């Protein structure tokens, strides 16, 4: 599939998830264009807000045979997505979601500045895979 198709799937996932990260449940910024306003709303720098940009997270990684099919794509913060895939054998999406939730609860996922500003959100009406 093309980058445009993946971008469309990311956008649809973002809206289906009510703008919340698939892994941590915190608000995401949909695009670079929206970053200045998003950062201002959180009282953080634009550079600091970049980790909160929505990315297309392949639940079954492409490197492991996963596809660009919309059912395989969720929206996740750039930070959450990157951290999941930095190990040689990433955790499953469900296990990683649990891991991230524990780290968020203990204040050890985001830096202190972001942790104070990002409020946890209840996953209502979002997708659950």
N, C-alpha and C. Protein backbone atom coordinates (compact mmCIF):
# COMPACT_ATOMS: atom_id res chain seq x y z
N UNK A 1 0.83 -1.19 0.00
CA UNK A 1 0.00 0.00 0.00
C UNK A 1 0.87 1.25 0.00
N UNK A 2 0.33 2.33 -0.38
CA UNK A 2 1.07 3.58 -0.47
C UNK A 2 1.12 4.30 0.87
N UNK A 3 2.03 5.27 0.97
CA UNK A 3 2.11 6.08 2.18
C UNK A 3 0.80 6.81 2.42
N UNK A 4 0.15 7.21 1.34
CA UNK A 4 -1.13 7.91 1.46
C UNK A 4 -2.17 7.00 2.11
N UNK A 5 -2.20 5.74 1.72
CA UNK A 5 -3.15 4.78 2.28
C UNK A 5 -2.90 4.58 3.77
N UNK A 6 -1.63 4.49 4.16
CA UNK A 6 -1.28 4.33 5.57
C UNK A 6 -1.66 5.60 6.34
N UNK A 7 -1.44 6.76 5.74
CA UNK A 7 -1.80 8.03 6.37
C UNK A 7 -3.31 8.10 6.60
N UNK A 8 -4.08 7.65 5.63
CA UNK A 8 -5.54 7.64 5.78
C UNK A 8 -5.96 6.68 6.89
N UNK A 9 -5.33 5.51 6.95
CA UNK A 9 -5.64 4.53 8.00
C UNK A 9 -5.29 5.10 9.37
N UNK A 10 -4.17 5.82 9.48
CA UNK A 10 -3.76 6.45 10.74
C UNK A 10 -4.80 7.48 11.17
N UNK A 11 -5.24 8.28 10.23
CA UNK A 11 -6.23 9.32 10.52
C UNK A 11 -7.54 8.69 10.99
N UNK A 12 -7.97 7.66 10.33
CA UNK A 12 -9.21 6.97 10.72
C UNK A 12 -9.07 6.35 12.11
N UNK A 13 -7.91 5.73 12.37
CA UNK A 13 -7.68 5.15 13.69
C UNK A 13 -7.68 6.24 14.76
N UNK A 14 -7.04 7.37 14.46
CA UNK A 14 -7.00 8.49 15.39
C UNK A 14 -8.42 8.89 15.81
N UNK A 15 -9.29 9.04 14.83
CA UNK A 15 -10.67 9.45 15.12
C UNK A 15 -11.45 8.33 15.82
N UNK A 16 -11.25 7.09 15.42
CA UNK A 16 -11.93 5.97 16.07
C UNK A 16 -11.51 5.84 17.54
N UNK A 17 -10.29 6.26 17.84
CA UNK A 17 -9.74 6.19 19.20
C UNK A 17 -9.97 7.50 19.96
N UNK A 18 -10.79 8.36 19.40
CA UNK A 18 -11.10 9.65 20.02
C UNK A 18 -9.85 10.49 20.29
N UNK A 19 -8.86 10.38 19.43
CA UNK A 19 -7.64 11.18 19.57
C UNK A 19 -6.71 10.73 20.67
N UNK A 20 -6.94 9.52 21.19
CA UNK A 20 -6.12 9.00 22.28
C UNK A 20 -5.17 7.92 21.78
N UNK A 21 -3.96 7.93 22.32
CA UNK A 21 -2.95 6.94 21.95
C UNK A 21 -3.44 5.53 22.26
N UNK A 22 -3.21 4.63 21.34
CA UNK A 22 -3.61 3.23 21.51
C UNK A 22 -2.96 2.59 22.73
N UNK A 23 -1.74 2.99 23.06
CA UNK A 23 -1.01 2.38 24.16
C UNK A 23 -1.19 3.06 25.50
N UNK A 24 -1.08 4.37 25.56
CA UNK A 24 -1.11 5.05 26.86
C UNK A 24 -2.43 5.75 27.16
N UNK A 25 -3.28 5.93 26.15
CA UNK A 25 -4.58 6.56 26.36
C UNK A 25 -4.53 8.06 26.57
N UNK A 26 -3.38 8.68 26.28
CA UNK A 26 -3.25 10.13 26.43
C UNK A 26 -3.50 10.80 25.08
N UNK A 27 -3.85 12.09 25.09
CA UNK A 27 -4.15 12.81 23.84
C UNK A 27 -2.96 12.83 22.87
N UNK A 28 -3.30 12.77 21.59
CA UNK A 28 -2.30 12.84 20.53
C UNK A 28 -2.57 14.07 19.67
N UNK A 29 -1.56 14.48 18.95
CA UNK A 29 -1.68 15.54 17.95
C UNK A 29 -1.72 14.84 16.59
N UNK A 30 -2.72 15.14 15.80
CA UNK A 30 -2.91 14.44 14.53
C UNK A 30 -1.87 14.79 13.47
N UNK A 31 -1.43 16.06 13.42
CA UNK A 31 -0.54 16.45 12.33
C UNK A 31 0.46 17.52 12.76
N UNK A 32 1.50 17.66 11.94
CA UNK A 32 2.49 18.71 12.17
C UNK A 32 1.82 20.09 12.15
N UNK A 33 0.85 20.27 11.28
CA UNK A 33 0.16 21.56 11.17
C UNK A 33 -0.55 21.93 12.48
N UNK A 34 -1.05 20.95 13.20
CA UNK A 34 -1.78 21.20 14.44
C UNK A 34 -0.85 21.30 15.65
N UNK A 35 0.42 21.01 15.46
CA UNK A 35 1.38 20.96 16.58
C UNK A 35 1.48 22.27 17.37
N UNK A 36 1.56 23.44 16.72
CA UNK A 36 1.67 24.68 17.50
C UNK A 36 0.51 24.87 18.49
N UNK A 37 -0.72 24.64 18.04
CA UNK A 37 -1.89 24.80 18.90
C UNK A 37 -1.90 23.73 19.99
N UNK A 38 -1.59 22.50 19.61
CA UNK A 38 -1.56 21.39 20.56
C UNK A 38 -0.55 21.68 21.67
N UNK A 39 0.64 22.13 21.30
CA UNK A 39 1.68 22.45 22.28
C UNK A 39 1.24 23.60 23.18
N UNK A 40 0.64 24.61 22.59
CA UNK A 40 0.17 25.76 23.35
C UNK A 40 -0.89 25.32 24.37
N UNK A 41 -1.82 24.47 23.95
CA UNK A 41 -2.87 23.97 24.85
C UNK A 41 -2.28 23.23 26.05
N UNK A 42 -1.16 22.54 25.85
CA UNK A 42 -0.52 21.79 26.93
C UNK A 42 0.54 22.61 27.67
N UNK A 43 0.79 23.81 27.19
CA UNK A 43 1.84 24.68 27.76
C UNK A 43 3.21 24.01 27.72
N UNK A 44 3.51 23.43 26.56
CA UNK A 44 4.82 22.82 26.34
C UNK A 44 5.38 23.34 25.02
N UNK A 45 6.66 23.10 24.81
CA UNK A 45 7.27 23.54 23.55
C UNK A 45 6.80 22.64 22.40
N UNK A 46 6.92 23.18 21.19
CA UNK A 46 6.59 22.37 20.02
C UNK A 46 7.54 21.18 19.92
N UNK A 47 8.80 21.40 20.26
CA UNK A 47 9.77 20.30 20.23
C UNK A 47 9.35 19.20 21.21
N UNK A 48 8.89 19.59 22.38
CA UNK A 48 8.44 18.62 23.37
C UNK A 48 7.18 17.90 22.95
N UNK A 49 6.35 18.59 22.17
CA UNK A 49 5.08 18.00 21.74
C UNK A 49 5.25 17.01 20.59
N UNK A 50 6.39 17.05 19.90
CA UNK A 50 6.58 16.16 18.74
C UNK A 50 6.45 14.69 19.11
N UNK A 51 6.83 14.31 20.32
CA UNK A 51 6.72 12.91 20.73
C UNK A 51 5.26 12.48 20.85
N UNK A 52 4.35 13.47 20.84
CA UNK A 52 2.93 13.19 20.98
C UNK A 52 2.19 13.17 19.65
N UNK A 53 2.93 13.29 18.56
CA UNK A 53 2.32 13.19 17.24
C UNK A 53 1.79 11.78 17.01
N UNK A 54 0.65 11.69 16.38
CA UNK A 54 0.06 10.39 16.06
C UNK A 54 0.84 9.74 14.92
N UNK A 55 1.18 8.49 15.10
CA UNK A 55 1.83 7.70 14.07
C UNK A 55 0.95 6.50 13.74
N UNK A 56 1.19 5.91 12.59
CA UNK A 56 0.49 4.68 12.21
C UNK A 56 1.26 3.52 12.84
N UNK A 57 0.67 2.91 13.84
CA UNK A 57 1.29 1.80 14.54
C UNK A 57 0.79 0.50 13.93
N UNK A 58 1.71 -0.25 13.34
CA UNK A 58 1.36 -1.55 12.77
C UNK A 58 1.33 -2.55 13.92
N UNK A 59 0.17 -3.02 14.28
CA UNK A 59 0.03 -3.92 15.42
C UNK A 59 0.82 -5.21 15.18
N UNK A 60 0.76 -5.71 13.98
CA UNK A 60 1.63 -6.81 13.55
C UNK A 60 2.64 -6.15 12.62
N UNK A 61 3.85 -5.99 13.11
CA UNK A 61 4.87 -5.21 12.41
C UNK A 61 5.08 -5.68 10.98
N UNK A 62 5.33 -4.71 10.10
CA UNK A 62 5.61 -5.05 8.69
C UNK A 62 6.85 -5.92 8.59
N UNK A 63 7.83 -5.67 9.45
CA UNK A 63 9.07 -6.45 9.41
C UNK A 63 8.82 -7.92 9.77
N UNK A 64 7.65 -8.19 10.37
CA UNK A 64 7.29 -9.56 10.73
C UNK A 64 6.16 -10.09 9.85
N UNK A 65 5.94 -9.43 8.72
CA UNK A 65 4.92 -9.89 7.78
C UNK A 65 3.59 -9.19 7.90
N UNK A 66 3.48 -8.20 8.78
CA UNK A 66 2.23 -7.46 8.93
C UNK A 66 1.95 -6.59 7.71
N UNK A 67 0.70 -6.31 7.50
CA UNK A 67 0.30 -5.54 6.31
C UNK A 67 -0.04 -4.10 6.68
N UNK A 68 -0.31 -3.32 5.65
CA UNK A 68 -0.77 -1.95 5.81
C UNK A 68 -2.30 -1.88 5.82
N UNK A 69 -2.95 -3.01 5.99
CA UNK A 69 -4.41 -3.05 6.02
C UNK A 69 -4.89 -2.23 7.22
N UNK A 70 -5.95 -1.45 7.06
CA UNK A 70 -6.45 -0.61 8.16
C UNK A 70 -6.71 -1.37 9.47
N UNK A 71 -7.09 -2.63 9.40
CA UNK A 71 -7.33 -3.40 10.63
C UNK A 71 -6.03 -3.68 11.40
N UNK A 72 -4.89 -3.52 10.73
CA UNK A 72 -3.59 -3.74 11.37
C UNK A 72 -2.96 -2.43 11.85
N UNK A 73 -3.65 -1.32 11.65
CA UNK A 73 -3.08 -0.02 12.00
C UNK A 73 -3.89 0.66 13.10
N UNK A 74 -3.18 1.05 14.15
CA UNK A 74 -3.75 1.85 15.22
C UNK A 74 -2.98 3.17 15.24
N UNK A 75 -3.51 4.15 15.91
CA UNK A 75 -2.81 5.42 16.08
C UNK A 75 -2.14 5.42 17.44
N UNK A 76 -0.86 5.75 17.45
CA UNK A 76 -0.10 5.79 18.71
C UNK A 76 0.87 6.96 18.67
N UNK A 77 1.18 7.48 19.86
CA UNK A 77 2.20 8.53 19.93
C UNK A 77 3.48 8.06 19.25
N UNK A 78 4.22 8.98 18.69
CA UNK A 78 5.52 8.65 18.12
C UNK A 78 6.40 8.00 19.19
N UNK A 79 6.34 8.52 20.41
CA UNK A 79 7.14 7.98 21.50
C UNK A 79 6.74 6.53 21.83
N UNK A 80 5.46 6.30 21.99
CA UNK A 80 4.97 4.95 22.34
C UNK A 80 5.30 3.95 21.23
N UNK A 81 5.10 4.36 19.98
CA UNK A 81 5.38 3.50 18.84
C UNK A 81 6.87 3.17 18.77
N UNK A 82 7.69 4.18 18.87
CA UNK A 82 9.14 3.98 18.79
C UNK A 82 9.64 3.05 19.90
N UNK A 83 9.20 3.28 21.11
CA UNK A 83 9.67 2.45 22.23
C UNK A 83 9.27 0.99 22.08
N UNK A 84 8.11 0.74 21.52
CA UNK A 84 7.69 -0.65 21.33
C UNK A 84 8.61 -1.37 20.36
N UNK A 85 9.02 -0.70 19.32
CA UNK A 85 9.76 -1.36 18.25
C UNK A 85 11.28 -1.24 18.36
N UNK A 86 11.78 -0.68 19.44
CA UNK A 86 13.23 -0.52 19.54
C UNK A 86 13.94 -1.80 19.99
N UNK A 87 13.21 -2.77 20.51
CA UNK A 87 13.85 -4.03 20.89
C UNK A 87 13.81 -5.01 19.72
N UNK A 88 14.68 -6.00 19.75
CA UNK A 88 14.74 -6.97 18.65
C UNK A 88 13.45 -7.77 18.55
N UNK A 89 12.84 -8.08 19.68
CA UNK A 89 11.57 -8.82 19.70
C UNK A 89 10.55 -8.01 20.49
N UNK A 90 9.82 -7.12 19.80
CA UNK A 90 8.85 -6.28 20.50
C UNK A 90 7.75 -7.09 21.18
N UNK A 91 7.23 -6.54 22.27
CA UNK A 91 6.10 -7.17 22.97
C UNK A 91 4.88 -7.15 22.05
N UNK A 92 3.95 -8.03 22.33
CA UNK A 92 2.68 -8.00 21.60
C UNK A 92 1.97 -6.70 21.95
N UNK A 93 1.05 -6.24 21.10
CA UNK A 93 0.34 -5.00 21.40
C UNK A 93 -0.35 -5.02 22.77
N UNK A 94 -0.98 -6.12 23.12
CA UNK A 94 -1.67 -6.22 24.41
C UNK A 94 -0.71 -6.16 25.59
N UNK A 95 0.39 -6.90 25.51
CA UNK A 95 1.37 -6.89 26.59
C UNK A 95 2.01 -5.52 26.72
N UNK A 96 2.29 -4.89 25.59
CA UNK A 96 2.91 -3.57 25.61
C UNK A 96 1.95 -2.54 26.19
N UNK A 97 0.70 -2.65 25.86
CA UNK A 97 -0.32 -1.74 26.40
C UNK A 97 -0.36 -1.81 27.93
N UNK A 98 -0.30 -3.02 28.46
CA UNK A 98 -0.28 -3.22 29.91
C UNK A 98 0.99 -2.63 30.52
N UNK A 99 2.11 -2.88 29.88
CA UNK A 99 3.40 -2.34 30.34
C UNK A 99 3.36 -0.81 30.37
N UNK A 100 2.88 -0.20 29.29
CA UNK A 100 2.82 1.26 29.22
C UNK A 100 1.89 1.81 30.30
N UNK A 101 0.75 1.17 30.52
CA UNK A 101 -0.19 1.62 31.55
C UNK A 101 0.48 1.64 32.92
N UNK A 102 1.22 0.59 33.24
CA UNK A 102 1.93 0.54 34.53
C UNK A 102 2.96 1.66 34.64
N UNK A 103 3.72 1.88 33.57
CA UNK A 103 4.73 2.93 33.58
C UNK A 103 4.08 4.31 33.71
N UNK A 104 2.96 4.52 33.04
CA UNK A 104 2.25 5.80 33.15
C UNK A 104 1.75 6.04 34.57
N UNK A 105 1.17 5.00 35.15
CA UNK A 105 0.64 5.11 36.52
C UNK A 105 1.74 5.47 37.51
N UNK A 106 2.94 4.98 37.29
CA UNK A 106 4.04 5.26 38.21
C UNK A 106 4.80 6.53 37.83
N UNK A 107 4.34 7.21 36.77
CA UNK A 107 4.98 8.46 36.34
C UNK A 107 6.33 8.26 35.68
N UNK A 108 6.56 7.07 35.13
CA UNK A 108 7.86 6.75 34.54
C UNK A 108 7.82 6.55 33.03
N UNK A 109 6.80 7.02 32.39
CA UNK A 109 6.73 6.85 30.94
C UNK A 109 7.14 8.13 30.21
N UNK A 110 6.48 9.22 30.55
CA UNK A 110 6.81 10.53 29.98
C UNK A 110 7.74 11.26 30.93
N UNK A 111 8.42 12.29 30.41
CA UNK A 111 9.23 13.08 31.32
C UNK A 111 8.28 13.82 32.27
N UNK A 112 8.82 14.35 33.36
CA UNK A 112 7.98 14.96 34.40
C UNK A 112 7.11 16.09 33.86
N UNK A 113 7.65 16.89 32.96
CA UNK A 113 6.90 18.00 32.39
C UNK A 113 5.65 17.49 31.66
N UNK A 114 5.81 16.46 30.84
CA UNK A 114 4.65 15.92 30.12
C UNK A 114 3.71 15.17 31.04
N UNK A 115 4.24 14.43 31.99
CA UNK A 115 3.39 13.66 32.91
C UNK A 115 2.42 14.57 33.64
N UNK A 116 2.88 15.76 34.02
CA UNK A 116 2.01 16.70 34.74
C UNK A 116 0.90 17.23 33.85
N UNK A 117 1.18 17.35 32.56
CA UNK A 117 0.23 18.00 31.66
C UNK A 117 -0.71 17.03 30.93
N UNK A 118 -0.31 15.80 30.82
CA UNK A 118 -1.14 14.81 30.12
C UNK A 118 -2.01 14.07 31.12
N UNK A 119 -3.28 14.29 31.00
CA UNK A 119 -4.22 13.62 31.90
C UNK A 119 -4.63 12.29 31.29
N UNK A 120 -4.71 11.25 32.12
CA UNK A 120 -5.21 9.98 31.58
C UNK A 120 -6.65 10.11 31.15
N UNK A 121 -7.01 9.43 30.10
CA UNK A 121 -8.37 9.47 29.60
C UNK A 121 -8.95 8.08 29.60
N UNK A 122 -10.22 8.01 29.90
CA UNK A 122 -10.91 6.73 29.86
C UNK A 122 -11.16 6.38 28.42
N UNK A 123 -10.90 5.17 28.04
CA UNK A 123 -11.12 4.72 26.67
C UNK A 123 -12.61 4.44 26.48
N UNK A 124 -13.29 5.42 25.94
CA UNK A 124 -14.73 5.21 25.70
C UNK A 124 -14.99 5.40 24.22
N UNK A 125 -15.59 4.44 23.64
CA UNK A 125 -15.95 4.54 22.24
C UNK A 125 -14.78 4.35 21.30
N UNK A 126 -13.61 4.05 21.83
CA UNK A 126 -12.44 3.84 20.99
C UNK A 126 -12.38 2.41 20.48
N UNK A 127 -11.34 2.12 19.76
CA UNK A 127 -11.20 0.77 19.25
C UNK A 127 -10.46 -0.08 20.27
N UNK A 128 -10.72 -1.34 20.30
CA UNK A 128 -10.01 -2.25 21.18
C UNK A 128 -9.66 -3.48 20.38
N UNK A 129 -8.37 -3.68 20.21
CA UNK A 129 -7.93 -4.80 19.39
C UNK A 129 -7.20 -5.80 20.24
